[in-house]
Structure formats: C-alpha cells, structure tokens
Amino acid sequence: MKENLPSSEMLEDLSELFKVLGDATRIKIIYAISENEMCVCDIAEFLGMTQSAISHQLRVLKRARLVKFRKEGKTVYYSLDDEHINTIFDCGLTHIKEMYY
C-alpha cells in the first residue's frame, strides 16, 4: 500500500481542493453553474448576493481550477471546469442526503 501512496505534493493539492470546497458560498456557486453557465450578475441574483462577493469567490474557484470562463462581448460566463467537479459535488451531496432521508 505504501508504494501506491500519492506524493506529498499531490496530497497537499488534494487538501487545498477540499479547503476551497469547504465554503458554503462557493458550494452554492458550484450548484448554480452545475447545469448551465451563468454570468456574475445572474449568479448574484440567484444567490441573493452582491456581484462583488460573487466575483471574489469565483476568483478563488478559478485559481483552484474548479470553474472556467468564456467572454461574450463584455459579459463573462462561468461554468464548471470539467465533469470531475460535477462528480465530486454530486458524490458529496448524495452522501449528505443520506442523513436526511
């Protein structure tokens, strides 16, 4: 088993991933864009928050490579970086739902 242990660097990166996911606002943003891409103003309206607060959290999510963006004119649209993010979110939510049902 020890020979299959990921490197310390990989484990540190995994720890950082879970730290980023450890914020309820960022989880709500991931939920909001899990089905369709959205712009900051739409995410802010959906979550009842300011655009500034959403932009700050999106920067954190971008740095962690959890979200990606595309520009259309002056509007920036955000979506999940890849299907792995949706899988991580869905697995976590399924696990939590077990406590409620």
PDB file of N, CA and C in Angstrom:
ATOM      1  N   MET A   1       0.825  -1.182   0.000  1.00  0.00           N
ATOM      2  CA  MET A   1       0.000   0.000   0.000  1.00  0.00           C
ATOM      3  C   MET A   1       0.876   1.255   0.000  1.00  0.00           C
ATOM      4  N   LYS A   2       1.965   1.227   0.715  1.00  0.00           N
ATOM      5  CA  LYS A   2       2.829   2.393   0.806  1.00  0.00           C
ATOM      6  C   LYS A   2       3.372   2.809  -0.565  1.00  0.00           C
ATOM      7  N   GLU A   3       3.615   1.840  -1.442  1.00  0.00           N
ATOM      8  CA  GLU A   3       4.150   2.158  -2.763  1.00  0.00           C
ATOM      9  C   GLU A   3       3.140   2.897  -3.632  1.00  0.00           C
ATOM     10  N   ASN A   4       1.858   2.798  -3.302  1.00  0.00           N
ATOM     11  CA  ASN A   4       0.809   3.489  -4.054  1.00  0.00           C
ATOM     12  C   ASN A   4       0.434   4.838  -3.452  1.00  0.00           C
ATOM     13  N   LEU A   5       1.066   5.189  -2.357  1.00  0.00           N
ATOM     14  CA  LEU A   5       0.768   6.462  -1.694  1.00  0.00           C
ATOM     15  C   LEU A   5       1.133   7.620  -2.620  1.00  0.00           C
ATOM     16  N   PRO A   6       0.174   8.513  -2.887  1.00  0.00           N
ATOM     17  CA  PRO A   6       0.494   9.683  -3.716  1.00  0.00           C
ATOM     18  C   PRO A   6       1.588  10.522  -3.063  1.00  0.00           C
ATOM     19  N   SER A   7       2.259  11.303  -3.858  1.00  0.00           N
ATOM     20  CA  SER A   7       3.330  12.154  -3.336  1.00  0.00           C
ATOM     21  C   SER A   7       2.773  13.172  -2.350  1.00  0.00           C
ATOM     22  N   SER A   8       3.636  13.689  -1.528  1.00  0.00           N
ATOM     23  CA  SER A   8       3.238  14.722  -0.562  1.00  0.00           C
ATOM     24  C   SER A   8       2.649  15.934  -1.269  1.00  0.00           C
ATOM     25  N   GLU A   9       3.226  16.283  -2.406  1.00  0.00           N
ATOM     26  CA  GLU A   9       2.727  17.425  -3.172  1.00  0.00           C
ATOM     27  C   GLU A   9       1.293  17.177  -3.644  1.00  0.00           C
ATOM     28  N   MET A  10       1.018  15.970  -4.135  1.00  0.00           N
ATOM     29  CA  MET A  10      -0.331  15.641  -4.592  1.00  0.00           C
ATOM     30  C   MET A  10      -1.320  15.668  -3.424  1.00  0.00           C
ATOM     31  N   LEU A  11      -0.916  15.153  -2.287  1.00  0.00           N
ATOM     32  CA  LEU A  11      -1.802  15.147  -1.127  1.00  0.00           C
ATOM     33  C   LEU A  11      -2.053  16.559  -0.611  1.00  0.00           C
ATOM     34  N   GLU A  12      -1.054  17.407  -0.703  1.00  0.00           N
ATOM     35  CA  GLU A  12      -1.218  18.813  -0.313  1.00  0.00           C
ATOM     36  C   GLU A  12      -2.200  19.503  -1.260  1.00  0.00           C
ATOM     37  N   ASP A  13      -2.079  19.229  -2.556  1.00  0.00           N
ATOM     38  CA  ASP A  13      -3.009  19.799  -3.536  1.00  0.00           C
ATOM     39  C   ASP A  13      -4.436  19.305  -3.291  1.00  0.00           C
ATOM     40  N   LEU A  14      -4.585  18.043  -2.944  1.00  0.00           N
ATOM     41  CA  LEU A  14      -5.909  17.499  -2.632  1.00  0.00           C
ATOM     42  C   LEU A  14      -6.493  18.183  -1.397  1.00  0.00           C
ATOM     43  N   SER A  15      -5.638  18.409  -0.407  1.00  0.00           N
ATOM     44  CA  SER A  15      -6.078  19.117   0.794  1.00  0.00           C
ATOM     45  C   SER A  15      -6.562  20.525   0.446  1.00  0.00           C
ATOM     46  N   GLU A  16      -5.838  21.209  -0.424  1.00  0.00           N
ATOM     47  CA  GLU A  16      -6.228  22.554  -0.853  1.00  0.00           C
ATOM     48  C   GLU A  16      -7.566  22.528  -1.596  1.00  0.00           C
ATOM     49  N   LEU A  17      -7.784  21.504  -2.414  1.00  0.00           N
ATOM     50  CA  LEU A  17      -9.055  21.362  -3.113  1.00  0.00           C
ATOM     51  C   LEU A  17     -10.207  21.291  -2.119  1.00  0.00           C
ATOM     52  N   PHE A  18     -10.052  20.464  -1.099  1.00  0.00           N
ATOM     53  CA  PHE A  18     -11.120  20.338  -0.110  1.00  0.00           C
ATOM     54  C   PHE A  18     -11.289  21.608   0.718  1.00  0.00           C
ATOM     55  N   LYS A  19     -10.224  22.356   0.923  1.00  0.00           N
ATOM     56  CA  LYS A  19     -10.349  23.641   1.613  1.00  0.00           C
ATOM     57  C   LYS A  19     -11.197  24.611   0.792  1.00  0.00           C
ATOM     58  N   VAL A  20     -10.953  24.654  -0.514  1.00  0.00           N
ATOM     59  CA  VAL A  20     -11.734  25.535  -1.381  1.00  0.00           C
ATOM     60  C   VAL A  20     -13.198  25.117  -1.362  1.00  0.00           C
ATOM     61  N   LEU A  21     -13.453  23.827  -1.356  1.00  0.00           N
ATOM     62  CA  LEU A  21     -14.829  23.328  -1.332  1.00  0.00           C
ATOM     63  C   LEU A  21     -15.470  23.471   0.046  1.00  0.00           C
ATOM     64  N   GLY A  22     -14.691  23.855   1.039  1.00  0.00           N
ATOM     65  CA  GLY A  22     -15.180  23.967   2.406  1.00  0.00           C
ATOM     66  C   GLY A  22     -15.866  25.283   2.723  1.00  0.00           C
ATOM     67  N   ASP A  23     -16.408  25.946   1.723  1.00  0.00           N
ATOM     68  CA  ASP A  23     -17.086  27.228   1.924  1.00  0.00           C
ATOM     69  C   ASP A  23     -18.482  27.133   1.303  1.00  0.00           C
ATOM     70  N   ALA A  24     -19.508  27.434   2.094  1.00  0.00           N
ATOM     71  CA  ALA A  24     -20.891  27.285   1.628  1.00  0.00           C
ATOM     72  C   ALA A  24     -21.209  28.170   0.432  1.00  0.00           C
ATOM     73  N   THR A  25     -20.668  29.368   0.378  1.00  0.00           N
ATOM     74  CA  THR A  25     -20.928  30.249  -0.768  1.00  0.00           C
ATOM     75  C   THR A  25     -20.358  29.648  -2.043  1.00  0.00           C
ATOM     76  N   ARG A  26     -19.145  29.121  -1.970  1.00  0.00           N
ATOM     77  CA  ARG A  26     -18.554  28.513  -3.158  1.00  0.00           C
ATOM     78  C   ARG A  26     -19.332  27.270  -3.583  1.00  0.00           C
ATOM     79  N   ILE A  27     -19.833  26.505  -2.628  1.00  0.00           N
ATOM     80  CA  ILE A  27     -20.659  25.338  -2.946  1.00  0.00           C
ATOM     81  C   ILE A  27     -21.945  25.787  -3.651  1.00  0.00           C
ATOM     82  N   LYS A  28     -22.546  26.870  -3.184  1.00  0.00           N
ATOM     83  CA  LYS A  28     -23.759  27.390  -3.828  1.00  0.00           C
ATOM     84  C   LYS A  28     -23.470  27.830  -5.257  1.00  0.00           C
ATOM     85  N   ILE A  29     -22.315  28.440  -5.478  1.00  0.00           N
ATOM     86  CA  ILE A  29     -21.943  28.860  -6.825  1.00  0.00           C
ATOM     87  C   ILE A  29     -21.765  27.634  -7.721  1.00  0.00           C
ATOM     88  N   ILE A  30     -21.094  26.623  -7.218  1.00  0.00           N
ATOM     89  CA  ILE A  30     -20.923  25.390  -7.986  1.00  0.00           C
ATOM     90  C   ILE A  30     -22.281  24.800  -8.336  1.00  0.00           C
ATOM     91  N   TYR A  31     -23.186  24.794  -7.373  1.00  0.00           N
ATOM     92  CA  TYR A  31     -24.538  24.297  -7.642  1.00  0.00           C
ATOM     93  C   TYR A  31     -25.205  25.135  -8.743  1.00  0.00           C
ATOM     94  N   ALA A  32     -25.081  26.452  -8.639  1.00  0.00           N
ATOM     95  CA  ALA A  32     -25.745  27.359  -9.585  1.00  0.00           C
ATOM     96  C   ALA A  32     -25.272  27.126 -11.014  1.00  0.00           C
ATOM     97  N   ILE A  33     -23.999  26.860 -11.196  1.00  0.00           N
ATOM     98  CA  ILE A  33     -23.470  26.715 -12.555  1.00  0.00           C
ATOM     99  C   ILE A  33     -23.285  25.254 -12.965  1.00  0.00           C
ATOM    100  N   SER A  34     -23.794  24.339 -12.172  1.00  0.00           N
ATOM    101  CA  SER A  34     -23.583  22.921 -12.482  1.00  0.00           C
ATOM    102  C   SER A  34     -24.335  22.471 -13.734  1.00  0.00           C
ATOM    103  N   GLU A  35     -25.443  23.105 -14.036  1.00  0.00           N
ATOM    104  CA  GLU A  35     -26.233  22.712 -15.214  1.00  0.00           C
ATOM    105  C   GLU A  35     -25.991  23.619 -16.411  1.00  0.00           C
ATOM    106  N   ASN A  36     -25.877  24.918 -16.154  1.00  0.00           N
ATOM    107  CA  ASN A  36     -25.717  25.896 -17.231  1.00  0.00           C
ATOM    108  C   ASN A  36     -24.727  26.964 -16.819  1.00  0.00           C
ATOM    109  N   GLU A  37     -24.003  27.488 -17.801  1.00  0.00           N
ATOM    110  CA  GLU A  37     -23.106  28.593 -17.497  1.00  0.00           C
ATOM    111  C   GLU A  37     -23.932  29.824 -17.144  1.00  0.00           C
ATOM    112  N   MET A  38     -23.346  30.664 -16.316  1.00  0.00           N
ATOM    113  CA  MET A  38     -24.037  31.874 -15.869  1.00  0.00           C
ATOM    114  C   MET A  38     -23.033  33.010 -15.756  1.00  0.00           C
ATOM    115  N   CYS A  39     -23.528  34.236 -15.901  1.00  0.00           N
ATOM    116  CA  CYS A  39     -22.683  35.401 -15.683  1.00  0.00           C
ATOM    117  C   CYS A  39     -22.756  35.793 -14.208  1.00  0.00           C
ATOM    118  N   VAL A  40     -21.842  36.646 -13.792  1.00  0.00           N
ATOM    119  CA  VAL A  40     -21.776  37.064 -12.392  1.00  0.00           C
ATOM    120  C   VAL A  40     -23.101  37.658 -11.931  1.00  0.00           C
ATOM    121  N   CYS A  41     -23.708  38.502 -12.752  1.00  0.00           N
ATOM    122  CA  CYS A  41     -24.955  39.154 -12.337  1.00  0.00           C
ATOM    123  C   CYS A  41     -26.068  38.130 -12.113  1.00  0.00           C
ATOM    124  N   ASP A  42     -26.130  37.100 -12.950  1.00  0.00           N
ATOM    125  CA  ASP A  42     -27.154  36.069 -12.770  1.00  0.00           C
ATOM    126  C   ASP A  42     -26.888  35.215 -11.530  1.00  0.00           C
ATOM    127  N   ILE A  43     -25.622  34.892 -11.289  1.00  0.00           N
ATOM    128  CA  ILE A  43     -25.278  34.123 -10.081  1.00  0.00           C
ATOM    129  C   ILE A  43     -25.620  34.938  -8.842  1.00  0.00           C
ATOM    130  N   ALA A  44     -25.278  36.227  -8.859  1.00  0.00           N
ATOM    131  CA  ALA A  44     -25.560  37.107  -7.719  1.00  0.00           C
ATOM    132  C   ALA A  44     -27.056  37.176  -7.449  1.00  0.00           C
ATOM    133  N   GLU A  45     -27.841  37.316  -8.491  1.00  0.00           N
ATOM    134  CA  GLU A  45     -29.299  37.376  -8.325  1.00  0.00           C
ATOM    135  C   GLU A  45     -29.831  36.045  -7.801  1.00  0.00           C
ATOM    136  N   PHE A  46     -29.372  34.953  -8.370  1.00  0.00           N
ATOM    137  CA  PHE A  46     -29.807  33.614  -7.976  1.00  0.00           C
ATOM    138  C   PHE A  46     -29.528  33.359  -6.495  1.00  0.00           C
ATOM    139  N   LEU A  47     -28.361  33.801  -6.021  1.00  0.00           N
ATOM    140  CA  LEU A  47     -27.963  33.544  -4.636  1.00  0.00           C
ATOM    141  C   LEU A  47     -28.316  34.680  -3.681  1.00  0.00           C
ATOM    142  N   GLY A  48     -28.830  35.790  -4.227  1.00  0.00           N
ATOM    143  CA  GLY A  48     -29.176  36.926  -3.367  1.00  0.00           C
ATOM    144  C   GLY A  48     -27.958  37.571  -2.732  1.00  0.00           C
ATOM    145  N   MET A  49     -26.890  37.694  -3.509  1.00  0.00           N
ATOM    146  CA  MET A  49     -25.646  38.271  -3.017  1.00  0.00           C
ATOM    147  C   MET A  49     -25.198  39.379  -3.956  1.00  0.00           C
ATOM    148  N   THR A  50     -24.179  40.113  -3.551  1.00  0.00           N
ATOM    149  CA  THR A  50     -23.651  41.173  -4.405  1.00  0.00           C
ATOM    150  C   THR A  50     -22.745  40.580  -5.485  1.00  0.00           C
ATOM    151  N   GLN A  51     -22.636  41.298  -6.592  1.00  0.00           N
ATOM    152  CA  GLN A  51     -21.749  40.858  -7.663  1.00  0.00           C
ATOM    153  C   GLN A  51     -20.300  40.831  -7.194  1.00  0.00           C
ATOM    154  N   SER A  52     -19.952  41.776  -6.328  1.00  0.00           N
ATOM    155  CA  SER A  52     -18.590  41.832  -5.796  1.00  0.00           C
ATOM    156  C   SER A  52     -18.262  40.572  -4.999  1.00  0.00           C
ATOM    157  N   ALA A  53     -19.184  40.143  -4.157  1.00  0.00           N
ATOM    158  CA  ALA A  53     -18.963  38.939  -3.351  1.00  0.00           C
ATOM    159  C   ALA A  53     -18.844  37.706  -4.239  1.00  0.00           C
ATOM    160  N   ILE A  54     -19.678  37.630  -5.267  1.00  0.00           N
ATOM    161  CA  ILE A  54     -19.632  36.501  -6.192  1.00  0.00           C
ATOM    162  C   ILE A  54     -18.317  36.512  -6.962  1.00  0.00           C
ATOM    163  N   SER A  55     -17.902  37.675  -7.447  1.00  0.00           N
ATOM    164  CA  SER A  55     -16.646  37.787  -8.192  1.00  0.00           C
ATOM    165  C   SER A  55     -15.461  37.319  -7.356  1.00  0.00           C
ATOM    166  N   HIS A  56     -15.448  37.696  -6.096  1.00  0.00           N
ATOM    167  CA  HIS A  56     -14.368  37.275  -5.200  1.00  0.00           C
ATOM    168  C   HIS A  56     -14.317  35.754  -5.100  1.00  0.00           C
ATOM    169  N   GLN A  57     -15.461  35.136  -4.891  1.00  0.00           N
ATOM    170  CA  GLN A  57     -15.496  33.678  -4.756  1.00  0.00           C
ATOM    171  C   GLN A  57     -15.159  32.986  -6.074  1.00  0.00           C
ATOM    172  N   LEU A  58     -15.566  33.566  -7.190  1.00  0.00           N
ATOM    173  CA  LEU A  58     -15.226  32.988  -8.488  1.00  0.00           C
ATOM    174  C   LEU A  58     -13.721  33.026  -8.737  1.00  0.00           C
ATOM    175  N   ARG A  59     -13.044  34.059  -8.251  1.00  0.00           N
ATOM    176  CA  ARG A  59     -11.576  34.107  -8.383  1.00  0.00           C
ATOM    177  C   ARG A  59     -10.936  32.941  -7.645  1.00  0.00           C
ATOM    178  N   VAL A  60     -11.437  32.647  -6.451  1.00  0.00           N
ATOM    179  CA  VAL A  60     -10.921  31.512  -5.678  1.00  0.00           C
ATOM    180  C   VAL A  60     -11.175  30.208  -6.428  1.00  0.00           C
ATOM    181  N   LEU A  61     -12.375  30.053  -6.959  1.00  0.00           N
ATOM    182  CA  LEU A  61     -12.729  28.838  -7.693  1.00  0.00           C
ATOM    183  C   LEU A  61     -11.910  28.696  -8.978  1.00  0.00           C
ATOM    184  N   LYS A  62     -11.620  29.823  -9.650  1.00  0.00           N
ATOM    185  CA  LYS A  62     -10.796  29.779 -10.861  1.00  0.00           C
ATOM    186  C   LYS A  62      -9.365  29.349 -10.536  1.00  0.00           C
ATOM    187  N   ARG A  63      -8.810  29.924  -9.471  1.00  0.00           N
ATOM    188  CA  ARG A  63      -7.438  29.569  -9.072  1.00  0.00           C
ATOM    189  C   ARG A  63      -7.316  28.080  -8.761  1.00  0.00           C
ATOM    190  N   ALA A  64      -8.386  27.512  -8.235  1.00  0.00           N
ATOM    191  CA  ALA A  64      -8.389  26.081  -7.894  1.00  0.00           C
ATOM    192  C   ALA A  64      -8.769  25.215  -9.099  1.00  0.00           C
ATOM    193  N   ARG A  65      -8.980  25.843 -10.251  1.00  0.00           N
ATOM    194  CA  ARG A  65      -9.370  25.159 -11.486  1.00  0.00           C
ATOM    195  C   ARG A  65     -10.683  24.393 -11.336  1.00  0.00           C
ATOM    196  N   LEU A  66     -11.606  24.963 -10.589  1.00  0.00           N
ATOM    197  CA  LEU A  66     -12.930  24.364 -10.421  1.00  0.00           C
ATOM    198  C   LEU A  66     -13.938  24.977 -11.379  1.00  0.00           C
ATOM    199  N   VAL A  67     -13.696  26.208 -11.799  1.00  0.00           N
ATOM    200  CA  VAL A  67     -14.563  26.855 -12.782  1.00  0.00           C
ATOM    201  C   VAL A  67     -13.712  27.406 -13.919  1.00  0.00           C
ATOM    202  N   LYS A  68     -14.352  27.554 -15.066  1.00  0.00           N
ATOM    203  CA  LYS A  68     -13.715  28.182 -16.218  1.00  0.00           C
ATOM    204  C   LYS A  68     -14.643  29.287 -16.699  1.00  0.00           C
ATOM    205  N   PHE A  69     -14.157  30.100 -17.589  1.00  0.00           N
ATOM    206  CA  PHE A  69     -14.983  31.200 -18.079  1.00  0.00           C
ATOM    207  C   PHE A  69     -14.779  31.395 -19.572  1.00  0.00           C
ATOM    208  N   ARG A  70     -15.753  32.058 -20.156  1.00  0.00           N
ATOM    209  CA  ARG A  70     -15.645  32.497 -21.551  1.00  0.00           C
ATOM    210  C   ARG A  70     -16.262  33.881 -21.629  1.00  0.00           C
ATOM    211  N   LYS A  71     -15.720  34.688 -22.510  1.00  0.00           N
ATOM    212  CA  LYS A  71     -16.224  36.042 -22.697  1.00  0.00           C
ATOM    213  C   LYS A  71     -17.065  36.117 -23.953  1.00  0.00           C
ATOM    214  N   GLU A  72     -18.152  36.856 -23.818  1.00  0.00           N
ATOM    215  CA  GLU A  72     -19.004  37.170 -24.959  1.00  0.00           C
ATOM    216  C   GLU A  72     -19.239  38.672 -24.888  1.00  0.00           C
ATOM    217  N   GLY A  73     -18.479  39.409 -25.687  1.00  0.00           N
ATOM    218  CA  GLY A  73     -18.507  40.868 -25.557  1.00  0.00           C
ATOM    219  C   GLY A  73     -17.904  41.252 -24.218  1.00  0.00           C
ATOM    220  N   LYS A  74     -18.659  42.032 -23.442  1.00  0.00           N
ATOM    221  CA  LYS A  74     -18.191  42.431 -22.112  1.00  0.00           C
ATOM    222  C   LYS A  74     -18.667  41.488 -21.018  1.00  0.00           C
ATOM    223  N   THR A  75     -19.500  40.533 -21.375  1.00  0.00           N
ATOM    224  CA  THR A  75     -20.067  39.616 -20.390  1.00  0.00           C
ATOM    225  C   THR A  75     -19.191  38.373 -20.281  1.00  0.00           C
ATOM    226  N   VAL A  76     -18.924  37.968 -19.035  1.00  0.00           N
ATOM    227  CA  VAL A  76     -18.130  36.772 -18.762  1.00  0.00           C
ATOM    228  C   VAL A  76     -19.063  35.707 -18.210  1.00  0.00           C
ATOM    229  N   TYR A  77     -19.030  34.533 -18.819  1.00  0.00           N
ATOM    230  CA  TYR A  77     -19.866  33.425 -18.399  1.00  0.00           C
ATOM    231  C   TYR A  77     -19.004  32.357 -17.727  1.00  0.00           C
ATOM    232  N   TYR A  78     -19.493  31.828 -16.611  1.00  0.00           N
ATOM    233  CA  TYR A  78     -18.762  30.829 -15.838  1.00  0.00           C
ATOM    234  C   TYR A  78     -19.461  29.484 -15.904  1.00  0.00           C
ATOM    235  N   SER A  79     -18.656  28.426 -15.922  1.00  0.00           N
ATOM    236  CA  SER A  79     -19.162  27.062 -15.892  1.00  0.00           C
ATOM    237  C   SER A  79     -18.152  26.205 -15.130  1.00  0.00           C
ATOM    238  N   LEU A  80     -18.542  24.982 -14.817  1.00  0.00           N
ATOM    239  CA  LEU A  80     -17.615  24.082 -14.141  1.00  0.00           C
ATOM    240  C   LEU A  80     -16.472  23.741 -15.084  1.00  0.00           C
ATOM    241  N   ASP A  81     -15.291  23.598 -14.523  1.00  0.00           N
ATOM    242  CA  ASP A  81     -14.098  23.366 -15.341  1.00  0.00           C
ATOM    243  C   ASP A  81     -14.175  22.054 -16.112  1.00  0.00           C
ATOM    244  N   ASP A  82     -14.668  21.003 -15.477  1.00  0.00           N
ATOM    245  CA  ASP A  82     -14.829  19.729 -16.171  1.00  0.00           C
ATOM    246  C   ASP A  82     -15.825  18.853 -15.417  1.00  0.00           C
ATOM    247  N   GLU A  83     -16.092  17.696 -15.955  1.00  0.00           N
ATOM    248  CA  GLU A  83     -17.104  16.801 -15.377  1.00  0.00           C
ATOM    249  C   GLU A  83     -16.699  16.276 -14.000  1.00  0.00           C
ATOM    250  N   HIS A  84     -15.386  16.259 -13.716  1.00  0.00           N
ATOM    251  CA  HIS A  84     -14.944  15.800 -12.396  1.00  0.00           C
ATOM    252  C   HIS A  84     -15.534  16.647 -11.277  1.00  0.00           C
ATOM    253  N   ILE A  85     -15.654  17.931 -11.513  1.00  0.00           N
ATOM    254  CA  ILE A  85     -16.184  18.831 -10.486  1.00  0.00           C
ATOM    255  C   ILE A  85     -17.631  18.466 -10.192  1.00  0.00           C
ATOM    256  N   ASN A  86     -18.397  18.203 -11.224  1.00  0.00           N
ATOM    257  CA  ASN A  86     -19.786  17.789 -11.039  1.00  0.00           C
ATOM    258  C   ASN A  86     -19.857  16.468 -10.273  1.00  0.00           C
ATOM    259  N   THR A  87     -18.959  15.546 -10.584  1.00  0.00           N
ATOM    260  CA  THR A  87     -18.927  14.252  -9.910  1.00  0.00           C
ATOM    261  C   THR A  87     -18.611  14.416  -8.422  1.00  0.00           C
ATOM    262  N   ILE A  88     -17.615  15.233  -8.117  1.00  0.00           N
ATOM    263  CA  ILE A  88     -17.252  15.486  -6.713  1.00  0.00           C
ATOM    264  C   ILE A  88     -18.436  16.084  -5.972  1.00  0.00           C
ATOM    265  N   PHE A  89     -19.074  17.088  -6.593  1.00  0.00           N
ATOM    266  CA  PHE A  89     -20.230  17.747  -5.973  1.00  0.00           C
ATOM    267  C   PHE A  89     -21.369  16.748  -5.761  1.00  0.00           C
ATOM    268  N   ASP A  90     -21.694  15.984  -6.794  1.00  0.00           N
ATOM    269  CA  ASP A  90     -22.803  15.024  -6.701  1.00  0.00           C
ATOM    270  C   ASP A  90     -22.539  13.948  -5.654  1.00  0.00           C
ATOM    271  N   CYS A  91     -21.324  13.449  -5.587  1.00  0.00           N
ATOM    272  CA  CYS A  91     -20.989  12.429  -4.580  1.00  0.00           C
ATOM    273  C   CYS A  91     -21.126  12.996  -3.166  1.00  0.00           C
ATOM    274  N   GLY A  92     -20.634  14.196  -2.963  1.00  0.00           N
ATOM    275  CA  GLY A  92     -20.758  14.831  -1.651  1.00  0.00           C
ATOM    276  C   GLY A  92     -22.200  15.073  -1.272  1.00  0.00           C
ATOM    277  N   LEU A  93     -22.994  15.563  -2.202  1.00  0.00           N
ATOM    278  CA  LEU A  93     -24.402  15.846  -1.926  1.00  0.00           C
ATOM    279  C   LEU A  93     -25.170  14.551  -1.659  1.00  0.00           C
ATOM    280  N   THR A  94     -24.874  13.510  -2.412  1.00  0.00           N
ATOM    281  CA  THR A  94     -25.517  12.211  -2.183  1.00  0.00           C
ATOM    282  C   THR A  94     -25.194  11.697  -0.789  1.00  0.00           C
ATOM    283  N   HIS A  95     -23.954  11.838  -0.383  1.00  0.00           N
ATOM    284  CA  HIS A  95     -23.537  11.402   0.953  1.00  0.00           C
ATOM    285  C   HIS A  95     -24.291  12.174   2.038  1.00  0.00           C
ATOM    286  N   ILE A  96     -24.415  13.479   1.882  1.00  0.00           N
ATOM    287  CA  ILE A  96     -25.114  14.316   2.868  1.00  0.00           C
ATOM    288  C   ILE A  96     -26.604  14.000   2.882  1.00  0.00           C
ATOM    289  N   LYS A  97     -27.192  13.769   1.723  1.00  0.00           N
ATOM    290  CA  LYS A  97     -28.636  13.473   1.655  1.00  0.00           C
ATOM    291  C   LYS A  97     -28.989  12.201   2.435  1.00  0.00           C
ATOM    292  N   GLU A  98     -28.037  11.274   2.550  1.00  0.00           N
ATOM    293  CA  GLU A  98     -28.297  10.052   3.306  1.00  0.00           C
ATOM    294  C   GLU A  98     -28.686  10.347   4.745  1.00  0.00           C
ATOM    295  N   MET A  99     -28.216  11.456   5.274  1.00  0.00           N
ATOM    296  CA  MET A  99     -28.548  11.827   6.665  1.00  0.00           C
ATOM    297  C   MET A  99     -29.959  12.390   6.773  1.00  0.00           C
ATOM    298  N   TYR A 100     -30.528  12.830   5.662  1.00  0.00           N
ATOM    299  CA  TYR A 100     -31.832  13.487   5.687  1.00  0.00           C
ATOM    300  C   TYR A 100     -32.980  12.591   5.265  1.00  0.00           C
ATOM    301  N   TYR A 101     -32.680  11.458   4.662  1.00  0.00           N
ATOM    302  CA  TYR A 101     -33.752  10.584   4.173  1.00  0.00           C
ATOM    303  C   TYR A 101     -33.697   9.227   4.821  1.00  0.00           C
TER     304      TYR A 101
END
